[in-house]
Amino acid sequence: MKLEQSTPDVNWQRAFTFTIYGTSVLVASYFQLYFSHLGFSSSQVGYLYAVGPFISIFSNMFWSMASDRYRTTKKMMLLLFAGQLGMGLLLSATSSFYAVFALITVFYFFYYPVFPLSDTMSIQTAQRHGKNFIVIRVFGSIGYAFFALSIGYVLGNVGISRTLLLAIIIAGACLLLATRLRDGVKTNGQKMEWRGLWNVLRQKEVLWFFAGVFCLALPYRMNEAFLTLTLKSMGASEGLIGWSLLAAALSEIPVFFLLSRFGERFKELPLLALAALMFALRFFLMSIADHPGTVIAVQTLHSVTFGIYYVTAVRYITRIIPDEFRATGLALFTIVWSSAAGLVSGTFGGVLYEQTGRTTFYFIAAGLALVACAGFLARHLLGNTKVPGVSMDSRKM
């Protein structure tokens, strides 16, 4: 699939999508090392990880509903990155656990809503120019790969204590890029109504989907929260940790393109079941890995796990949730995938990892992925995926 010549607002959206994943690399993989550097225990690191998903349950809904209600995403983005910048400056000046806990809570209020809102803008921009959503979203994967490797080497040279300085620099760059974005235009022109949203969300197919997503998100977030600590316990350097993140990010790119071209030939629920099954294999292999090189090899399974899962899940959401609820629907997806699951995995995952060890930790993760696989497959075999009262036109990404 070729990345054809595009208009300026498409290219600015690509550049923005590329850059926001620099902060994602830091938050998902290096904040934990930074907190350990400050002298916090594994349980304390787990609590700091969990508070973000907890506060994001409210922040995602607040910012995304405001975006749908006031029909602007760009202004929300500007406020979010201004908030990240301010909290980053304050965090860099403290090392007390309770002060860090309070400040990181506010930081996460501004951090988590960026991603569903960015996906909303990417989908709308792609639709406006007759493109596939993936030709924009893939720049997030490229950005994640770039920052995963470069941040690892930078912090390996300047020290993990500079983590927040990098976060401040990246947030500032995102703020500047956000000024160049263009608000999307709703394809059907309908204004969001709360009653209509509730009618969509209470449908059986929607509830079943979110239940499956939550069950799969638990092991995914467990792995995300403690992958870097696992590698550190095996003696890996910051640079090698960067290579493990790079392997995962690069592996998903060809899968994104393949699914953008051929994915419509396959039904969503079987694809989601396949992704969950491959997640189970990935976490089982992590449970028996005993060398950083083995972990990097296992990370390439990100291609057939998250790569298949993410594209298929977004495609499914755009089909079953009407356009006027787009930002809110993606926010709910993010809440289930990141917030609720991150809260549980961060709170109990840290204790589980500390008390039972890496092998049992990942073995339990594999079991949860198998449960999600069974749920998606059962929904496919036992019922249709048509949501009553929801038109299926204009659902292409």
Protein backbone atom coordinates (compact mmCIF):
# COMPACT_ATOMS: atom_id res chain seq x y z
CA MET A 1 0.00 0.00 0.00
CA LYS A 2 1.52 3.32 -1.08
CA LEU A 3 1.53 6.49 0.95
CA GLU A 4 0.27 8.76 -1.78
CA GLN A 5 0.85 12.49 -1.98
CA SER A 6 -1.28 14.27 0.58
CA THR A 7 -2.59 17.69 1.48
CA PRO A 8 -0.87 19.70 4.24
CA ASP A 9 -3.39 18.89 6.97
CA VAL A 10 -2.90 15.14 6.37
CA ASN A 11 0.85 15.56 6.67
CA TRP A 12 0.53 17.66 9.84
CA GLN A 13 -1.73 14.96 11.28
CA ARG A 14 0.89 12.34 10.42
CA ALA A 15 3.64 14.41 12.04
CA PHE A 16 1.52 14.91 15.14
CA THR A 17 0.67 11.19 15.35
CA PHE A 18 4.37 10.37 14.99
CA THR A 19 5.39 12.70 17.82
CA ILE A 20 2.77 11.89 20.46
CA TYR A 21 4.10 8.35 20.72
CA GLY A 22 7.36 9.69 22.12
CA THR A 23 5.49 10.44 25.34
CA SER A 24 3.85 7.04 25.12
CA VAL A 25 7.26 5.35 25.08
CA LEU A 26 8.31 7.29 28.16
CA VAL A 27 5.12 6.68 30.13
CA ALA A 28 4.74 3.01 29.21
CA SER A 29 8.36 1.92 29.53
CA TYR A 30 10.68 4.46 31.15
CA PHE A 31 8.59 6.12 33.84
CA GLN A 32 8.76 2.84 35.76
CA LEU A 33 12.57 2.85 35.58
CA TYR A 34 12.60 6.52 36.60
CA PHE A 35 10.43 5.80 39.64
CA SER A 36 12.69 2.87 40.56
CA HIS A 37 15.64 5.25 40.22
CA LEU A 38 13.97 7.50 42.81
CA GLY A 39 14.05 4.54 45.20
CA PHE A 40 10.41 3.43 44.99
CA SER A 41 9.57 -0.28 45.52
CA SER A 42 7.89 -2.52 42.91
CA SER A 43 4.57 -2.12 44.73
CA GLN A 44 4.92 1.68 44.77
CA VAL A 45 5.77 1.63 41.05
CA GLY A 46 2.62 -0.44 40.50
CA TYR A 47 0.51 2.11 42.38
CA LEU A 48 1.99 4.97 40.35
CA TYR A 49 1.20 3.05 37.17
CA ALA A 50 -2.35 2.27 38.37
CA VAL A 51 -3.31 5.83 39.31
CA GLY A 52 -3.05 6.87 35.66
CA PRO A 53 -5.64 4.38 34.39
CA PHE A 54 -7.88 5.27 37.35
CA ILE A 55 -7.89 9.00 36.68
CA SER A 56 -8.11 8.40 32.92
CA ILE A 57 -11.52 6.76 33.38
CA PHE A 58 -12.81 10.25 34.13
CA SER A 59 -10.42 12.27 31.99
CA ASN A 60 -11.06 10.29 28.79
CA MET A 61 -14.80 10.74 29.13
CA PHE A 62 -14.51 14.40 30.14
CA TRP A 63 -12.32 15.47 27.21
CA SER A 64 -13.92 13.24 24.57
CA MET A 65 -17.47 14.19 25.51
CA ALA A 66 -16.41 17.83 25.45
CA SER A 67 -14.93 17.24 21.98
CA ASP A 68 -18.16 15.67 20.70
CA ARG A 69 -20.34 18.25 22.42
CA TYR A 70 -18.45 21.34 21.25
CA ARG A 71 -17.35 19.74 17.96
CA THR A 72 -13.69 20.59 18.30
CA THR A 73 -10.72 18.34 18.94
CA LYS A 74 -7.90 20.74 18.15
CA LYS A 75 -8.64 23.05 21.10
CA MET A 76 -8.79 20.06 23.43
CA MET A 77 -5.38 18.94 22.19
CA LEU A 78 -3.86 22.34 22.89
CA LEU A 79 -5.16 22.29 26.45
CA LEU A 80 -3.98 18.72 27.01
CA PHE A 81 -0.39 19.35 25.96
CA ALA A 82 -0.21 22.61 27.86
CA GLY A 83 -1.24 20.64 30.94
CA GLN A 84 1.35 17.91 30.26
CA LEU A 85 4.06 20.52 29.90
CA GLY A 86 3.21 22.17 33.21
CA MET A 87 2.98 18.89 35.14
CA GLY A 88 6.25 17.68 33.65
CA LEU A 89 8.04 20.76 34.96
CA LEU A 90 6.62 20.24 38.46
CA LEU A 91 7.40 16.50 38.50
CA SER A 92 11.01 17.13 37.57
CA ALA A 93 11.44 19.16 40.77
CA THR A 94 10.30 16.52 43.30
CA SER A 95 11.31 13.03 44.46
CA SER A 96 8.90 12.44 47.36
CA PHE A 97 6.57 9.49 46.72
CA TYR A 98 3.45 11.32 47.89
CA ALA A 99 4.27 14.45 45.91
CA VAL A 100 5.02 12.38 42.81
CA PHE A 101 1.78 10.46 43.33
CA ALA A 102 -0.25 13.70 43.43
CA LEU A 103 1.48 15.30 40.45
CA ILE A 104 1.48 12.21 38.26
CA THR A 105 -2.27 11.92 38.85
CA VAL A 106 -2.79 15.36 37.30
CA PHE A 107 -0.27 14.58 34.53
CA TYR A 108 -2.29 11.49 33.57
CA PHE A 109 -5.46 13.60 33.46
CA PHE A 110 -3.87 15.45 30.53
CA TYR A 111 -2.00 12.46 29.04
CA TYR A 112 -4.49 9.65 28.42
CA PRO A 113 -7.18 11.51 26.40
CA VAL A 114 -4.64 12.44 23.72
CA PHE A 115 -4.76 9.04 22.04
CA PRO A 116 -8.50 8.50 21.46
CA LEU A 117 -8.81 12.14 20.38
CA SER A 118 -5.85 11.73 18.01
CA ASP A 119 -7.47 8.61 16.51
CA THR A 120 -10.71 10.55 16.11
CA MET A 121 -8.92 13.31 14.22
CA SER A 122 -7.02 10.78 12.11
CA ILE A 123 -10.22 8.95 11.12
CA GLN A 124 -11.99 12.20 10.24
CA THR A 125 -8.98 13.51 8.30
CA ALA A 126 -8.71 10.24 6.37
CA GLN A 127 -12.42 10.30 5.53
CA ARG A 128 -12.23 13.92 4.41
CA HIS A 129 -9.49 13.12 1.90
CA GLY A 130 -10.73 9.68 0.86
CA LYS A 131 -7.84 7.81 2.49
CA ASN A 132 -7.57 4.83 4.79
CA PHE A 133 -7.14 5.57 8.50
CA ILE A 134 -4.08 3.30 8.62
CA VAL A 135 -2.00 5.54 6.30
CA ILE A 136 -2.10 8.10 9.12
CA ARG A 137 -2.11 5.82 12.17
CA VAL A 138 0.94 3.88 10.94
CA PHE A 139 3.02 6.99 11.62
CA GLY A 140 2.26 6.40 15.30
CA SER A 141 3.92 3.00 15.03
CA ILE A 142 6.87 4.51 13.17
CA GLY A 143 7.12 7.22 15.82
CA TYR A 144 6.96 4.68 18.62
CA ALA A 145 9.76 2.66 16.97
CA PHE A 146 11.90 5.77 16.51
CA PHE A 147 11.45 7.00 20.06
CA ALA A 148 11.78 3.52 21.58
CA LEU A 149 15.28 3.19 20.18
CA SER A 150 16.44 6.80 20.42
CA ILE A 151 15.14 7.38 23.96
CA GLY A 152 16.78 4.17 25.14
CA TYR A 153 20.16 5.32 23.87
CA VAL A 154 19.73 8.91 25.05
CA LEU A 155 18.85 7.82 28.58
CA GLY A 156 21.62 5.23 28.48
CA ASN A 157 24.10 8.09 27.92
CA VAL A 158 22.64 10.92 29.99
CA GLY A 159 21.06 8.80 32.74
CA ILE A 160 17.54 7.73 33.64
CA SER A 161 17.27 10.86 35.82
CA ARG A 162 16.70 12.88 32.59
CA THR A 163 13.46 11.05 31.78
CA LEU A 164 11.22 13.99 32.66
CA LEU A 165 13.35 16.43 30.69
CA LEU A 166 12.66 14.36 27.58
CA ALA A 167 8.95 14.28 28.47
CA ILE A 168 8.93 18.09 28.68
CA ILE A 169 10.68 18.47 25.32
CA ILE A 170 8.32 16.05 23.55
CA ALA A 171 5.21 17.65 25.11
CA GLY A 172 6.41 21.05 23.90
CA ALA A 173 6.90 19.70 20.37
CA CYS A 174 3.41 18.17 20.41
CA LEU A 175 1.93 21.48 21.56
CA LEU A 176 3.51 23.28 18.62
CA LEU A 177 2.34 20.63 16.14
CA ALA A 178 -1.19 20.76 17.57
CA THR A 179 -1.46 24.38 16.47
CA ARG A 180 -1.19 23.15 12.87
CA LEU A 181 -3.98 20.57 13.09
CA ARG A 182 -7.36 20.98 11.45
CA ASP A 183 -10.57 19.99 13.19
CA GLY A 184 -12.45 17.17 11.52
CA VAL A 185 -15.93 17.57 10.12
CA LYS A 186 -18.63 15.14 11.20
CA THR A 187 -19.68 13.13 8.17
CA ASN A 188 -23.41 13.08 8.99
CA GLY A 189 -23.69 16.47 10.66
CA GLN A 190 -25.69 15.12 13.61
CA LYS A 191 -25.18 16.53 17.06
CA MET A 192 -24.47 14.16 19.92
CA GLU A 193 -27.43 13.27 22.16
CA TRP A 194 -26.87 11.46 25.46
CA ARG A 195 -29.97 9.29 25.05
CA GLY A 196 -28.78 8.02 21.68
CA LEU A 197 -25.37 7.17 23.11
CA TRP A 198 -26.95 5.14 25.92
CA ASN A 199 -29.12 3.22 23.42
CA VAL A 200 -26.01 2.21 21.49
CA LEU A 201 -23.91 1.26 24.53
CA ARG A 202 -26.49 -1.03 26.09
CA GLN A 203 -26.65 -3.29 23.04
CA LYS A 204 -25.52 -6.87 23.68
CA GLU A 205 -22.91 -6.87 20.92
CA VAL A 206 -21.30 -3.68 22.24
CA LEU A 207 -21.24 -4.94 25.84
CA TRP A 208 -19.81 -8.31 24.79
CA PHE A 209 -17.09 -6.60 22.77
CA PHE A 210 -16.03 -4.37 25.66
CA ALA A 211 -16.01 -7.37 28.03
CA GLY A 212 -13.67 -9.22 25.69
CA VAL A 213 -11.46 -6.16 25.31
CA PHE A 214 -11.17 -5.81 29.10
CA CYS A 215 -10.24 -9.47 29.55
CA LEU A 216 -7.50 -9.18 26.91
CA ALA A 217 -6.34 -5.78 28.16
CA LEU A 218 -5.52 -7.13 31.64
CA PRO A 219 -2.57 -9.30 30.53
CA TYR A 220 -1.47 -6.75 27.93
CA ARG A 221 -1.21 -4.01 30.57
CA MET A 222 0.49 -6.38 33.00
CA ASN A 223 3.18 -6.98 30.40
CA GLU A 224 3.44 -3.30 29.51
CA ALA A 225 3.87 -2.25 33.13
CA PHE A 226 6.59 -4.76 34.01
CA LEU A 227 8.40 -5.53 30.75
CA THR A 228 11.20 -3.05 31.41
CA LEU A 229 11.62 -4.27 34.99
CA THR A 230 11.75 -7.85 33.67
CA LEU A 231 14.49 -6.90 31.23
CA LYS A 232 16.37 -5.01 33.92
CA SER A 233 16.25 -8.07 36.17
CA MET A 234 17.93 -10.01 33.33
CA GLY A 235 20.72 -7.43 33.15
CA ALA A 236 19.53 -5.53 30.06
CA SER A 237 20.75 -1.98 29.50
CA GLU A 238 18.51 1.00 28.59
CA GLY A 239 19.72 0.63 25.00
CA LEU A 240 18.72 -3.03 24.85
CA ILE A 241 15.34 -2.16 26.34
CA GLY A 242 14.98 0.32 23.49
CA TRP A 243 15.69 -2.47 20.99
CA SER A 244 12.95 -4.62 22.55
CA LEU A 245 10.44 -1.80 22.14
CA LEU A 246 11.70 -1.17 18.60
CA ALA A 247 11.20 -4.83 17.67
CA ALA A 248 7.59 -4.66 18.84
CA ALA A 249 6.81 -1.36 17.11
CA LEU A 250 8.38 -2.28 13.75
CA SER A 251 6.73 -5.69 13.67
CA GLU A 252 3.22 -4.22 13.73
CA ILE A 253 3.73 -1.91 10.72
CA PRO A 254 3.50 -4.54 7.93
CA VAL A 255 0.48 -6.09 9.65
CA PHE A 256 -1.23 -2.69 9.70
CA PHE A 257 -0.73 -2.34 5.95
CA LEU A 258 -1.81 -5.90 5.20
CA LEU A 259 -5.00 -5.50 7.20
CA SER A 260 -5.74 -2.12 5.62
CA ARG A 261 -5.65 -3.85 2.24
CA PHE A 262 -7.05 -7.31 2.94
CA GLY A 263 -8.66 -7.03 6.38
CA GLU A 264 -12.17 -6.37 5.03
CA ARG A 265 -12.20 -9.92 3.67
CA PHE A 266 -12.33 -11.30 7.21
CA LYS A 267 -14.90 -10.85 9.96
CA GLU A 268 -13.77 -8.90 12.99
CA LEU A 269 -14.57 -11.30 15.83
CA PRO A 270 -12.58 -14.27 14.44
CA LEU A 271 -9.64 -11.92 13.88
CA LEU A 272 -9.92 -10.69 17.47
CA ALA A 273 -10.02 -14.30 18.69
CA LEU A 274 -6.87 -15.04 16.67
CA ALA A 275 -5.10 -12.02 18.15
CA ALA A 276 -6.06 -13.12 21.68
CA LEU A 277 -4.74 -16.64 21.00
CA MET A 278 -1.43 -15.23 19.80
CA PHE A 279 -1.30 -13.01 22.91
CA ALA A 280 -1.59 -16.19 25.01
CA LEU A 281 1.35 -17.71 23.13
CA ARG A 282 3.36 -14.50 23.55
CA PHE A 283 2.86 -14.38 27.32
CA PHE A 284 3.56 -18.10 27.72
CA LEU A 285 6.89 -17.61 25.94
CA MET A 286 7.60 -14.66 28.23
CA SER A 287 7.01 -16.91 31.23
CA ILE A 288 9.81 -19.25 30.14
CA ALA A 289 12.22 -16.65 28.69
CA ASP A 290 15.48 -16.37 30.63
CA HIS A 291 17.61 -14.04 28.47
CA PRO A 292 17.08 -10.47 27.14
CA GLY A 293 17.66 -11.70 23.58
CA THR A 294 14.82 -14.19 23.95
CA VAL A 295 12.53 -11.41 25.18
CA ILE A 296 13.37 -9.29 22.13
CA ALA A 297 12.51 -12.24 19.88
CA VAL A 298 9.20 -12.72 21.69
CA GLN A 299 8.47 -9.01 21.23
CA THR A 300 8.18 -9.55 17.47
CA LEU A 301 4.92 -11.39 18.19
CA HIS A 302 3.54 -7.88 18.74
CA SER A 303 2.84 -8.03 14.99
CA VAL A 304 0.25 -10.81 15.18
CA THR A 305 -1.06 -9.79 18.60
CA PHE A 306 -1.50 -6.02 18.95
CA GLY A 307 -1.15 -5.42 15.20
CA ILE A 308 -4.16 -7.59 14.37
CA TYR A 309 -6.07 -6.61 17.50
CA TYR A 310 -5.84 -2.81 17.21
CA VAL A 311 -6.79 -2.41 13.55
CA THR A 312 -9.63 -4.91 13.88
CA ALA A 313 -10.99 -3.39 17.10
CA VAL A 314 -11.05 0.15 15.66
CA ARG A 315 -12.71 -1.17 12.49
CA TYR A 316 -15.35 -2.91 14.61
CA ILE A 317 -16.02 0.23 16.67
CA THR A 318 -16.44 2.41 13.57
CA ARG A 319 -19.00 -0.11 12.31
CA ILE A 320 -21.15 -0.48 15.44
CA ILE A 321 -20.98 3.06 16.88
CA PRO A 322 -22.49 5.99 14.90
CA ASP A 323 -20.30 8.85 13.73
CA GLU A 324 -21.79 11.45 16.09
CA PHE A 325 -20.50 9.38 19.02
CA ARG A 326 -17.09 8.71 17.45
CA ALA A 327 -14.86 10.48 19.98
CA THR A 328 -16.87 9.21 22.94
CA GLY A 329 -16.94 5.66 21.57
CA LEU A 330 -13.17 5.61 21.10
CA ALA A 331 -12.77 7.12 24.56
CA LEU A 332 -14.82 4.28 26.05
CA PHE A 333 -12.66 1.81 24.16
CA THR A 334 -9.56 3.49 25.60
CA ILE A 335 -11.07 3.43 29.09
CA VAL A 336 -11.63 -0.31 28.89
CA TRP A 337 -8.35 -1.11 27.09
CA SER A 338 -6.09 1.26 29.03
CA SER A 339 -7.81 2.73 32.07
CA ALA A 340 -9.85 0.02 33.77
CA ALA A 341 -7.42 -2.75 32.81
CA GLY A 342 -4.42 -0.62 33.72
CA LEU A 343 -5.92 0.15 37.11
CA VAL A 344 -6.36 -3.54 37.93
CA SER A 345 -3.06 -4.68 36.41
CA GLY A 346 -1.08 -1.88 38.03
CA THR A 347 -2.60 -2.30 41.49
CA PHE A 348 -2.51 -6.09 41.67
CA GLY A 349 0.11 -6.74 39.01
CA GLY A 350 2.85 -5.15 41.10
CA VAL A 351 1.96 -7.27 44.11
CA LEU A 352 1.64 -10.40 41.94
CA TYR A 353 5.00 -9.77 40.26
CA GLU A 354 6.70 -9.09 43.60
CA GLN A 355 5.16 -12.04 45.48
CA THR A 356 5.01 -14.82 42.85
CA GLY A 357 7.79 -13.92 40.42
CA ARG A 358 7.98 -13.40 36.67
CA THR A 359 7.09 -16.97 35.60
CA THR A 360 3.75 -17.15 37.43
CA PHE A 361 3.02 -13.52 36.52
CA TYR A 362 3.22 -14.25 32.78
CA PHE A 363 1.56 -17.66 33.06
CA ILE A 364 -1.52 -15.97 34.55
CA ALA A 365 -1.39 -13.38 31.76
CA ALA A 366 -1.46 -16.18 29.15
CA GLY A 367 -4.51 -17.72 30.84
CA LEU A 368 -6.42 -14.42 30.74
CA ALA A 369 -5.67 -14.05 27.02
CA LEU A 370 -7.12 -17.52 26.41
CA VAL A 371 -10.32 -16.50 28.20
CA ALA A 372 -10.59 -13.45 25.91
CA CYS A 373 -10.05 -15.68 22.88
CA ALA A 374 -12.90 -17.95 23.98
CA GLY A 375 -15.16 -14.93 24.53
CA PHE A 376 -14.62 -13.41 21.06
CA LEU A 377 -15.02 -16.80 19.40
CA ALA A 378 -18.19 -17.60 21.35
CA ARG A 379 -19.75 -14.26 20.36
CA HIS A 380 -18.96 -14.98 16.71
CA LEU A 381 -20.46 -18.49 16.84
CA LEU A 382 -23.52 -17.68 18.94
CA GLY A 383 -24.78 -14.40 17.52
CA ASN A 384 -24.63 -11.83 14.75
CA THR A 385 -22.78 -8.54 15.06
CA LYS A 386 -25.47 -6.19 13.80
CA VAL A 387 -26.41 -3.53 16.30
CA PRO A 388 -30.14 -2.73 16.12
CA GLY A 389 -30.92 0.82 15.16
CA VAL A 390 -27.39 1.62 13.98
CA SER A 391 -26.82 2.34 10.33
CA MET A 392 -23.83 0.55 8.84
CA ASP A 393 -23.06 3.02 6.10
CA SER A 394 -20.24 5.52 6.40
CA ARG A 395 -18.30 3.19 8.70
CA LYS A 396 -15.15 2.87 6.60
CA MET A 397 -11.94 3.94 8.26
